[in-house]
Amino acid sequence: MNLSREIFWDVDYSKLDFDKSANWIICRVLDRGSLKDWFQIKEHYGIEKILSVAQDAKYLSKKTIYFLSAIYTIPLTQFRCYNLMRFQQEQWIY
């Protein structure tokens, strides 16, 4: 795969193991990748694997989970990060 290097700014891209780190790579691309990156992970991992990882992820942006929910008609409550997000208290602004 030839994913955008800027979304992996904090690691050595040449040392990425696309099989061992699949979950981390999928989440990173879902949150920060381009459309080109999306098509590459979709081709490499398959949509079932991507949706499985997304539903089990501890954190994804709201935009990402709402997008996946709308496109693939998955209820928001089936995303682990959505359920965790609902129970986190926000800080009070004084």
PDB file of N, CA and C in Angstrom:
ATOM      1  N   MET A   1       0.843  -1.184   0.000  1.00  0.00           N
ATOM      2  CA  MET A   1       0.000   0.000   0.000  1.00  0.00           C
ATOM      3  C   MET A   1       0.883   1.241   0.000  1.00  0.00           C
ATOM      4  N   ASN A   2       0.340   2.280  -0.546  1.00  0.00           N
ATOM      5  CA  ASN A   2       1.047   3.550  -0.588  1.00  0.00           C
ATOM      6  C   ASN A   2       0.143   4.626   0.011  1.00  0.00           C
ATOM      7  N   LEU A   3       0.018   4.602   1.329  1.00  0.00           N
ATOM      8  CA  LEU A   3      -0.848   5.547   2.029  1.00  0.00           C
ATOM      9  C   LEU A   3      -0.147   6.885   2.204  1.00  0.00           C
ATOM     10  N   SER A   4      -0.923   7.927   2.447  1.00  0.00           N
ATOM     11  CA  SER A   4      -0.364   9.259   2.670  1.00  0.00           C
ATOM     12  C   SER A   4       0.564   9.231   3.882  1.00  0.00           C
ATOM     13  N   ARG A   5       1.764   9.701   3.699  1.00  0.00           N
ATOM     14  CA  ARG A   5       2.760   9.650   4.773  1.00  0.00           C
ATOM     15  C   ARG A   5       2.461  10.635   5.892  1.00  0.00           C
ATOM     16  N   GLU A   6       1.761  11.710   5.582  1.00  0.00           N
ATOM     17  CA  GLU A   6       1.495  12.716   6.612  1.00  0.00           C
ATOM     18  C   GLU A   6       0.556  12.217   7.714  1.00  0.00           C
ATOM     19  N   ILE A   7      -0.243  11.214   7.449  1.00  0.00           N
ATOM     20  CA  ILE A   7      -1.112  10.704   8.511  1.00  0.00           C
ATOM     21  C   ILE A   7      -0.359   9.771   9.457  1.00  0.00           C
ATOM     22  N   PHE A   8       0.860   9.429   9.083  1.00  0.00           N
ATOM     23  CA  PHE A   8       1.720   8.594   9.941  1.00  0.00           C
ATOM     24  C   PHE A   8       2.968   9.375  10.347  1.00  0.00           C
ATOM     25  N   TRP A   9       2.760  10.642  10.713  1.00  0.00           N
ATOM     26  CA  TRP A   9       3.862  11.535  11.042  1.00  0.00           C
ATOM     27  C   TRP A   9       4.658  11.077  12.262  1.00  0.00           C
ATOM     28  N   ASP A  10       4.045  10.319  13.145  1.00  0.00           N
ATOM     29  CA  ASP A  10       4.668   9.979  14.418  1.00  0.00           C
ATOM     30  C   ASP A  10       5.371   8.624  14.427  1.00  0.00           C
ATOM     31  N   VAL A  11       5.395   7.938  13.295  1.00  0.00           N
ATOM     32  CA  VAL A  11       6.056   6.634  13.201  1.00  0.00           C
ATOM     33  C   VAL A  11       6.924   6.593  11.945  1.00  0.00           C
ATOM     34  N   ASP A  12       7.824   5.631  11.908  1.00  0.00           N
ATOM     35  CA  ASP A  12       8.646   5.419  10.720  1.00  0.00           C
ATOM     36  C   ASP A  12       7.812   4.619   9.715  1.00  0.00           C
ATOM     37  N   TYR A  13       7.379   5.287   8.662  1.00  0.00           N
ATOM     38  CA  TYR A  13       6.487   4.671   7.681  1.00  0.00           C
ATOM     39  C   TYR A  13       7.088   3.407   7.070  1.00  0.00           C
ATOM     40  N   SER A  14       8.388   3.404   6.873  1.00  0.00           N
ATOM     41  CA  SER A  14       9.035   2.249   6.235  1.00  0.00           C
ATOM     42  C   SER A  14       8.991   1.004   7.110  1.00  0.00           C
ATOM     43  N   LYS A  15       8.745   1.170   8.403  1.00  0.00           N
ATOM     44  CA  LYS A  15       8.697   0.029   9.316  1.00  0.00           C
ATOM     45  C   LYS A  15       7.278  -0.429   9.646  1.00  0.00           C
ATOM     46  N   LEU A  16       6.288   0.179   9.012  1.00  0.00           N
ATOM     47  CA  LEU A  16       4.900  -0.220   9.269  1.00  0.00           C
ATOM     48  C   LEU A  16       4.650  -1.642   8.780  1.00  0.00           C
ATOM     49  N   ASP A  17       4.027  -2.432   9.625  1.00  0.00           N
ATOM     50  CA  ASP A  17       3.619  -3.782   9.245  1.00  0.00           C
ATOM     51  C   ASP A  17       2.105  -3.734   9.025  1.00  0.00           C
ATOM     52  N   PHE A  18       1.685  -3.793   7.784  1.00  0.00           N
ATOM     53  CA  PHE A  18       0.280  -3.594   7.440  1.00  0.00           C
ATOM     54  C   PHE A  18      -0.621  -4.728   7.914  1.00  0.00           C
ATOM     55  N   ASP A  19      -0.045  -5.856   8.298  1.00  0.00           N
ATOM     56  CA  ASP A  19      -0.851  -6.955   8.818  1.00  0.00           C
ATOM     57  C   ASP A  19      -0.909  -6.938  10.342  1.00  0.00           C
ATOM     58  N   LYS A  20       0.239  -6.764  10.988  1.00  0.00           N
ATOM     59  CA  LYS A  20       0.263  -6.743  12.456  1.00  0.00           C
ATOM     60  C   LYS A  20      -0.422  -5.505  13.030  1.00  0.00           C
ATOM     61  N   SER A  21      -0.310  -4.391  12.354  1.00  0.00           N
ATOM     62  CA  SER A  21      -0.869  -3.125  12.848  1.00  0.00           C
ATOM     63  C   SER A  21      -2.134  -2.728  12.104  1.00  0.00           C
ATOM     64  N   ALA A  22      -2.850  -3.691  11.593  1.00  0.00           N
ATOM     65  CA  ALA A  22      -4.026  -3.409  10.758  1.00  0.00           C
ATOM     66  C   ALA A  22      -5.050  -2.538  11.470  1.00  0.00           C
ATOM     67  N   ASN A  23      -5.378  -2.863  12.714  1.00  0.00           N
ATOM     68  CA  ASN A  23      -6.401  -2.091  13.425  1.00  0.00           C
ATOM     69  C   ASN A  23      -5.987  -0.634  13.588  1.00  0.00           C
ATOM     70  N   TRP A  24      -4.752  -0.411  13.979  1.00  0.00           N
ATOM     71  CA  TRP A  24      -4.252   0.951  14.180  1.00  0.00           C
ATOM     72  C   TRP A  24      -4.225   1.718  12.856  1.00  0.00           C
ATOM     73  N   ILE A  25      -3.775   1.067  11.803  1.00  0.00           N
ATOM     74  CA  ILE A  25      -3.694   1.711  10.490  1.00  0.00           C
ATOM     75  C   ILE A  25      -5.088   2.058   9.975  1.00  0.00           C
ATOM     76  N   ILE A  26      -6.031   1.145  10.133  1.00  0.00           N
ATOM     77  CA  ILE A  26      -7.405   1.404   9.680  1.00  0.00           C
ATOM     78  C   ILE A  26      -7.992   2.605  10.419  1.00  0.00           C
ATOM     79  N   CYS A  27      -7.841   2.649  11.730  1.00  0.00           N
ATOM     80  CA  CYS A  27      -8.377   3.778  12.509  1.00  0.00           C
ATOM     81  C   CYS A  27      -7.714   5.087  12.115  1.00  0.00           C
ATOM     82  N   ARG A  28      -6.420   5.049  11.894  1.00  0.00           N
ATOM     83  CA  ARG A  28      -5.698   6.260  11.505  1.00  0.00           C
ATOM     84  C   ARG A  28      -6.189   6.767  10.160  1.00  0.00           C
ATOM     85  N   VAL A  29      -6.384   5.879   9.213  1.00  0.00           N
ATOM     86  CA  VAL A  29      -6.865   6.279   7.885  1.00  0.00           C
ATOM     87  C   VAL A  29      -8.312   6.770   7.957  1.00  0.00           C
ATOM     88  N   LEU A  30      -9.133   6.105   8.745  1.00  0.00           N
ATOM     89  CA  LEU A  30     -10.528   6.546   8.867  1.00  0.00           C
ATOM     90  C   LEU A  30     -10.617   7.965   9.423  1.00  0.00           C
ATOM     91  N   ASP A  31      -9.794   8.275  10.401  1.00  0.00           N
ATOM     92  CA  ASP A  31      -9.851   9.601  11.029  1.00  0.00           C
ATOM     93  C   ASP A  31      -9.099  10.680  10.268  1.00  0.00           C
ATOM     94  N   ARG A  32      -7.985  10.326   9.636  1.00  0.00           N
ATOM     95  CA  ARG A  32      -7.120  11.363   9.081  1.00  0.00           C
ATOM     96  C   ARG A  32      -6.778  11.194   7.605  1.00  0.00           C
ATOM     97  N   GLY A  33      -7.201  10.113   6.989  1.00  0.00           N
ATOM     98  CA  GLY A  33      -6.795   9.820   5.616  1.00  0.00           C
ATOM     99  C   GLY A  33      -7.627  10.524   4.567  1.00  0.00           C
ATOM    100  N   SER A  34      -7.134  10.447   3.356  1.00  0.00           N
ATOM    101  CA  SER A  34      -7.837  11.018   2.204  1.00  0.00           C
ATOM    102  C   SER A  34      -8.726   9.953   1.564  1.00  0.00           C
ATOM    103  N   LEU A  35      -9.451  10.342   0.562  1.00  0.00           N
ATOM    104  CA  LEU A  35     -10.299   9.399  -0.164  1.00  0.00           C
ATOM    105  C   LEU A  35      -9.449   8.321  -0.834  1.00  0.00           C
ATOM    106  N   LYS A  36      -8.286   8.709  -1.332  1.00  0.00           N
ATOM    107  CA  LYS A  36      -7.355   7.754  -1.937  1.00  0.00           C
ATOM    108  C   LYS A  36      -6.922   6.700  -0.904  1.00  0.00           C
ATOM    109  N   ASP A  37      -6.638   7.158   0.316  1.00  0.00           N
ATOM    110  CA  ASP A  37      -6.252   6.235   1.386  1.00  0.00           C
ATOM    111  C   ASP A  37      -7.396   5.275   1.716  1.00  0.00           C
ATOM    112  N   TRP A  38      -8.618   5.810   1.733  1.00  0.00           N
ATOM    113  CA  TRP A  38      -9.800   4.995   2.014  1.00  0.00           C
ATOM    114  C   TRP A  38      -9.921   3.857   1.002  1.00  0.00           C
ATOM    115  N   PHE A  39      -9.776   4.178  -0.283  1.00  0.00           N
ATOM    116  CA  PHE A  39      -9.888   3.154  -1.317  1.00  0.00           C
ATOM    117  C   PHE A  39      -8.781   2.104  -1.190  1.00  0.00           C
ATOM    118  N   GLN A  40      -7.599   2.532  -0.774  1.00  0.00           N
ATOM    119  CA  GLN A  40      -6.497   1.577  -0.623  1.00  0.00           C
ATOM    120  C   GLN A  40      -6.729   0.605   0.524  1.00  0.00           C
ATOM    121  N   ILE A  41      -7.199   1.114   1.681  1.00  0.00           N
ATOM    122  CA  ILE A  41      -7.443   0.174   2.790  1.00  0.00           C
ATOM    123  C   ILE A  41      -8.648  -0.699   2.491  1.00  0.00           C
ATOM    124  N   LYS A  42      -9.617  -0.148   1.771  1.00  0.00           N
ATOM    125  CA  LYS A  42     -10.795  -0.934   1.393  1.00  0.00           C
ATOM    126  C   LYS A  42     -10.395  -2.096   0.490  1.00  0.00           C
ATOM    127  N   GLU A  43      -9.483  -1.837  -0.422  1.00  0.00           N
ATOM    128  CA  GLU A  43      -9.009  -2.885  -1.321  1.00  0.00           C
ATOM    129  C   GLU A  43      -8.136  -3.904  -0.575  1.00  0.00           C
ATOM    130  N   HIS A  44      -7.298  -3.418   0.337  1.00  0.00           N
ATOM    131  CA  HIS A  44      -6.355  -4.291   1.039  1.00  0.00           C
ATOM    132  C   HIS A  44      -7.030  -5.133   2.128  1.00  0.00           C
ATOM    133  N   TYR A  45      -7.857  -4.503   2.967  1.00  0.00           N
ATOM    134  CA  TYR A  45      -8.453  -5.192   4.117  1.00  0.00           C
ATOM    135  C   TYR A  45      -9.878  -5.688   3.874  1.00  0.00           C
ATOM    136  N   GLY A  46     -10.612  -5.039   2.994  1.00  0.00           N
ATOM    137  CA  GLY A  46     -12.011  -5.395   2.763  1.00  0.00           C
ATOM    138  C   GLY A  46     -12.931  -4.624   3.696  1.00  0.00           C
ATOM    139  N   ILE A  47     -14.138  -4.382   3.256  1.00  0.00           N
ATOM    140  CA  ILE A  47     -15.068  -3.538   4.011  1.00  0.00           C
ATOM    141  C   ILE A  47     -15.505  -4.195   5.317  1.00  0.00           C
ATOM    142  N   GLU A  48     -15.628  -5.514   5.345  1.00  0.00           N
ATOM    143  CA  GLU A  48     -16.047  -6.190   6.581  1.00  0.00           C
ATOM    144  C   GLU A  48     -15.027  -5.980   7.693  1.00  0.00           C
ATOM    145  N   LYS A  49     -13.749  -6.105   7.370  1.00  0.00           N
ATOM    146  CA  LYS A  49     -12.677  -5.898   8.358  1.00  0.00           C
ATOM    147  C   LYS A  49     -12.662  -4.449   8.822  1.00  0.00           C
ATOM    148  N   ILE A  50     -12.803  -3.505   7.900  1.00  0.00           N
ATOM    149  CA  ILE A  50     -12.786  -2.085   8.247  1.00  0.00           C
ATOM    150  C   ILE A  50     -13.938  -1.754   9.187  1.00  0.00           C
ATOM    151  N   LEU A  51     -15.138  -2.229   8.873  1.00  0.00           N
ATOM    152  CA  LEU A  51     -16.296  -1.940   9.718  1.00  0.00           C
ATOM    153  C   LEU A  51     -16.174  -2.626  11.077  1.00  0.00           C
ATOM    154  N   SER A  52     -15.625  -3.807  11.110  1.00  0.00           N
ATOM    155  CA  SER A  52     -15.414  -4.520  12.369  1.00  0.00           C
ATOM    156  C   SER A  52     -14.447  -3.748  13.270  1.00  0.00           C
ATOM    157  N   VAL A  53     -13.359  -3.276  12.695  1.00  0.00           N
ATOM    158  CA  VAL A  53     -12.377  -2.494  13.454  1.00  0.00           C
ATOM    159  C   VAL A  53     -13.001  -1.189  13.921  1.00  0.00           C
ATOM    160  N   ALA A  54     -13.741  -0.525  13.053  1.00  0.00           N
ATOM    161  CA  ALA A  54     -14.369   0.752  13.406  1.00  0.00           C
ATOM    162  C   ALA A  54     -15.376   0.577  14.539  1.00  0.00           C
ATOM    163  N   GLN A  55     -16.133  -0.493  14.504  1.00  0.00           N
ATOM    164  CA  GLN A  55     -17.133  -0.717  15.544  1.00  0.00           C
ATOM    165  C   GLN A  55     -16.498  -1.057  16.889  1.00  0.00           C
ATOM    166  N   ASP A  56     -15.298  -1.600  16.873  1.00  0.00           N
ATOM    167  CA  ASP A  56     -14.627  -1.992  18.113  1.00  0.00           C
ATOM    168  C   ASP A  56     -13.613  -0.961  18.601  1.00  0.00           C
ATOM    169  N   ALA A  57     -13.383   0.100  17.847  1.00  0.00           N
ATOM    170  CA  ALA A  57     -12.368   1.100  18.197  1.00  0.00           C
ATOM    171  C   ALA A  57     -12.762   1.869  19.455  1.00  0.00           C
ATOM    172  N   LYS A  58     -11.766   2.179  20.284  1.00  0.00           N
ATOM    173  CA  LYS A  58     -12.014   2.963  21.493  1.00  0.00           C
ATOM    174  C   LYS A  58     -12.196   4.437  21.174  1.00  0.00           C
ATOM    175  N   TYR A  59     -11.574   4.896  20.095  1.00  0.00           N
ATOM    176  CA  TYR A  59     -11.740   6.296  19.717  1.00  0.00           C
ATOM    177  C   TYR A  59     -11.761   6.449  18.204  1.00  0.00           C
ATOM    178  N   LEU A  60     -12.758   7.132  17.718  1.00  0.00           N
ATOM    179  CA  LEU A  60     -12.841   7.649  16.355  1.00  0.00           C
ATOM    180  C   LEU A  60     -13.548   8.986  16.472  1.00  0.00           C
ATOM    181  N   SER A  61     -13.284   9.887  15.558  1.00  0.00           N
ATOM    182  CA  SER A  61     -13.939  11.195  15.616  1.00  0.00           C
ATOM    183  C   SER A  61     -15.439  11.035  15.366  1.00  0.00           C
ATOM    184  N   LYS A  62     -16.188  12.008  15.831  1.00  0.00           N
ATOM    185  CA  LYS A  62     -17.642  11.983  15.610  1.00  0.00           C
ATOM    186  C   LYS A  62     -17.957  11.959  14.117  1.00  0.00           C
ATOM    187  N   LYS A  63     -17.201  12.727  13.352  1.00  0.00           N
ATOM    188  CA  LYS A  63     -17.423  12.798  11.911  1.00  0.00           C
ATOM    189  C   LYS A  63     -17.267  11.413  11.273  1.00  0.00           C
ATOM    190  N   THR A  64     -16.259  10.675  11.715  1.00  0.00           N
ATOM    191  CA  THR A  64     -16.001   9.346  11.158  1.00  0.00           C
ATOM    192  C   THR A  64     -17.125   8.379  11.486  1.00  0.00           C
ATOM    193  N   ILE A  65     -17.553   8.339  12.745  1.00  0.00           N
ATOM    194  CA  ILE A  65     -18.587   7.355  13.091  1.00  0.00           C
ATOM    195  C   ILE A  65     -19.950   7.734  12.508  1.00  0.00           C
ATOM    196  N   TYR A  66     -20.240   9.021  12.405  1.00  0.00           N
ATOM    197  CA  TYR A  66     -21.499   9.420  11.778  1.00  0.00           C
ATOM    198  C   TYR A  66     -21.474   9.095  10.281  1.00  0.00           C
ATOM    199  N   PHE A  67     -20.318   9.274   9.636  1.00  0.00           N
ATOM    200  CA  PHE A  67     -20.184   8.929   8.226  1.00  0.00           C
ATOM    201  C   PHE A  67     -20.397   7.433   8.007  1.00  0.00           C
ATOM    202  N   LEU A  68     -19.685   6.611   8.770  1.00  0.00           N
ATOM    203  CA  LEU A  68     -19.809   5.159   8.617  1.00  0.00           C
ATOM    204  C   LEU A  68     -21.226   4.685   8.929  1.00  0.00           C
ATOM    205  N   SER A  69     -21.822   5.278   9.941  1.00  0.00           N
ATOM    206  CA  SER A  69     -23.188   4.920  10.316  1.00  0.00           C
ATOM    207  C   SER A  69     -24.169   5.234   9.186  1.00  0.00           C
ATOM    208  N   ALA A  70     -24.008   6.390   8.568  1.00  0.00           N
ATOM    209  CA  ALA A  70     -24.922   6.806   7.508  1.00  0.00           C
ATOM    210  C   ALA A  70     -24.720   6.002   6.228  1.00  0.00           C
ATOM    211  N   ILE A  71     -23.484   5.810   5.831  1.00  0.00           N
ATOM    212  CA  ILE A  71     -23.193   5.130   4.564  1.00  0.00           C
ATOM    213  C   ILE A  71     -23.542   3.648   4.620  1.00  0.00           C
ATOM    214  N   TYR A  72     -23.226   2.996   5.750  1.00  0.00           N
ATOM    215  CA  TYR A  72     -23.428   1.545   5.843  1.00  0.00           C
ATOM    216  C   TYR A  72     -24.623   1.159   6.712  1.00  0.00           C
ATOM    217  N   THR A  73     -25.473   2.128   7.032  1.00  0.00           N
ATOM    218  CA  THR A  73     -26.689   1.937   7.834  1.00  0.00           C
ATOM    219  C   THR A  73     -26.433   1.068   9.076  1.00  0.00           C
ATOM    220  N   ILE A  74     -25.440   1.492   9.841  1.00  0.00           N
ATOM    221  CA  ILE A  74     -25.118   0.838  11.109  1.00  0.00           C
ATOM    222  C   ILE A  74     -25.588   1.779  12.217  1.00  0.00           C
ATOM    223  N   PRO A  75     -26.384   1.298  13.151  1.00  0.00           N
ATOM    224  CA  PRO A  75     -26.802   2.178  14.251  1.00  0.00           C
ATOM    225  C   PRO A  75     -25.595   2.688  15.039  1.00  0.00           C
ATOM    226  N   LEU A  76     -25.644   3.943  15.438  1.00  0.00           N
ATOM    227  CA  LEU A  76     -24.538   4.543  16.179  1.00  0.00           C
ATOM    228  C   LEU A  76     -24.198   3.757  17.442  1.00  0.00           C
ATOM    229  N   THR A  77     -25.202   3.170  18.052  1.00  0.00           N
ATOM    230  CA  THR A  77     -24.975   2.445  19.305  1.00  0.00           C
ATOM    231  C   THR A  77     -24.149   1.176  19.114  1.00  0.00           C
ATOM    232  N   GLN A  78     -23.921   0.769  17.876  1.00  0.00           N
ATOM    233  CA  GLN A  78     -23.074  -0.398  17.626  1.00  0.00           C
ATOM    234  C   GLN A  78     -21.592  -0.028  17.550  1.00  0.00           C
ATOM    235  N   PHE A  79     -21.290   1.258  17.646  1.00  0.00           N
ATOM    236  CA  PHE A  79     -19.901   1.708  17.682  1.00  0.00           C
ATOM    237  C   PHE A  79     -19.478   1.881  19.132  1.00  0.00           C
ATOM    238  N   ARG A  80     -18.461   1.158  19.520  1.00  0.00           N
ATOM    239  CA  ARG A  80     -17.957   1.213  20.893  1.00  0.00           C
ATOM    240  C   ARG A  80     -17.576   2.647  21.285  1.00  0.00           C
ATOM    241  N   CYS A  81     -16.904   3.362  20.396  1.00  0.00           N
ATOM    242  CA  CYS A  81     -16.459   4.713  20.726  1.00  0.00           C
ATOM    243  C   CYS A  81     -17.639   5.669  20.901  1.00  0.00           C
ATOM    244  N   TYR A  82     -18.732   5.445  20.217  1.00  0.00           N
ATOM    245  CA  TYR A  82     -19.917   6.282  20.401  1.00  0.00           C
ATOM    246  C   TYR A  82     -20.495   6.070  21.792  1.00  0.00           C
ATOM    247  N   ASN A  83     -20.563   4.826  22.215  1.00  0.00           N
ATOM    248  CA  ASN A  83     -21.088   4.538  23.550  1.00  0.00           C
ATOM    249  C   ASN A  83     -20.169   5.083  24.635  1.00  0.00           C
ATOM    250  N   LEU A  84     -18.869   5.001  24.438  1.00  0.00           N
ATOM    251  CA  LEU A  84     -17.932   5.569  25.406  1.00  0.00           C
ATOM    252  C   LEU A  84     -18.041   7.090  25.442  1.00  0.00           C
ATOM    253  N   MET A  85     -18.241   7.687  24.279  1.00  0.00           N
ATOM    254  CA  MET A  85     -18.342   9.136  24.158  1.00  0.00           C
ATOM    255  C   MET A  85     -19.562   9.672  24.916  1.00  0.00           C
ATOM    256  N   ARG A  86     -20.638   8.936  24.885  1.00  0.00           N
ATOM    257  CA  ARG A  86     -21.872   9.385  25.533  1.00  0.00           C
ATOM    258  C   ARG A  86     -21.731   9.463  27.047  1.00  0.00           C
ATOM    259  N   PHE A  87     -20.843   8.674  27.616  1.00  0.00           N
ATOM    260  CA  PHE A  87     -20.726   8.623  29.071  1.00  0.00           C
ATOM    261  C   PHE A  87     -19.565   9.446  29.609  1.00  0.00           C
ATOM    262  N   GLN A  88     -18.807  10.084  28.746  1.00  0.00           N
ATOM    263  CA  GLN A  88     -17.711  10.927  29.205  1.00  0.00           C
ATOM    264  C   GLN A  88     -18.265  12.295  29.577  1.00  0.00           C
ATOM    265  N   GLN A  89     -17.841  12.750  30.734  1.00  0.00           N
ATOM    266  CA  GLN A  89     -18.274  14.065  31.161  1.00  0.00           C
ATOM    267  C   GLN A  89     -17.406  15.122  30.513  1.00  0.00           C
ATOM    268  N   GLU A  90     -18.051  16.162  30.050  1.00  0.00           N
ATOM    269  CA  GLU A  90     -17.309  17.277  29.514  1.00  0.00           C
ATOM    270  C   GLU A  90     -16.959  18.214  30.653  1.00  0.00           C
ATOM    271  N   GLN A  91     -15.869  18.946  30.487  1.00  0.00           N
ATOM    272  CA  GLN A  91     -15.459  19.881  31.512  1.00  0.00           C
ATOM    273  C   GLN A  91     -16.402  21.073  31.529  1.00  0.00           C
ATOM    274  N   TRP A  92     -16.626  21.590  32.706  1.00  0.00           N
ATOM    275  CA  TRP A  92     -17.501  22.740  32.832  1.00  0.00           C
ATOM    276  C   TRP A  92     -16.756  23.989  32.428  1.00  0.00           C
ATOM    277  N   ILE A  93     -17.443  24.856  31.750  1.00  0.00           N
ATOM    278  CA  ILE A  93     -16.866  26.155  31.380  1.00  0.00           C
ATOM    279  C   ILE A  93     -17.451  27.192  32.329  1.00  0.00           C
ATOM    280  N   TYR A  94     -16.578  27.818  33.056  1.00  0.00           N
ATOM    281  CA  TYR A  94     -17.033  28.803  34.049  1.00  0.00           C
ATOM    282  C   TYR A  94     -17.124  30.173  33.446  1.00  0.00           C
TER     283      TYR A  94
END
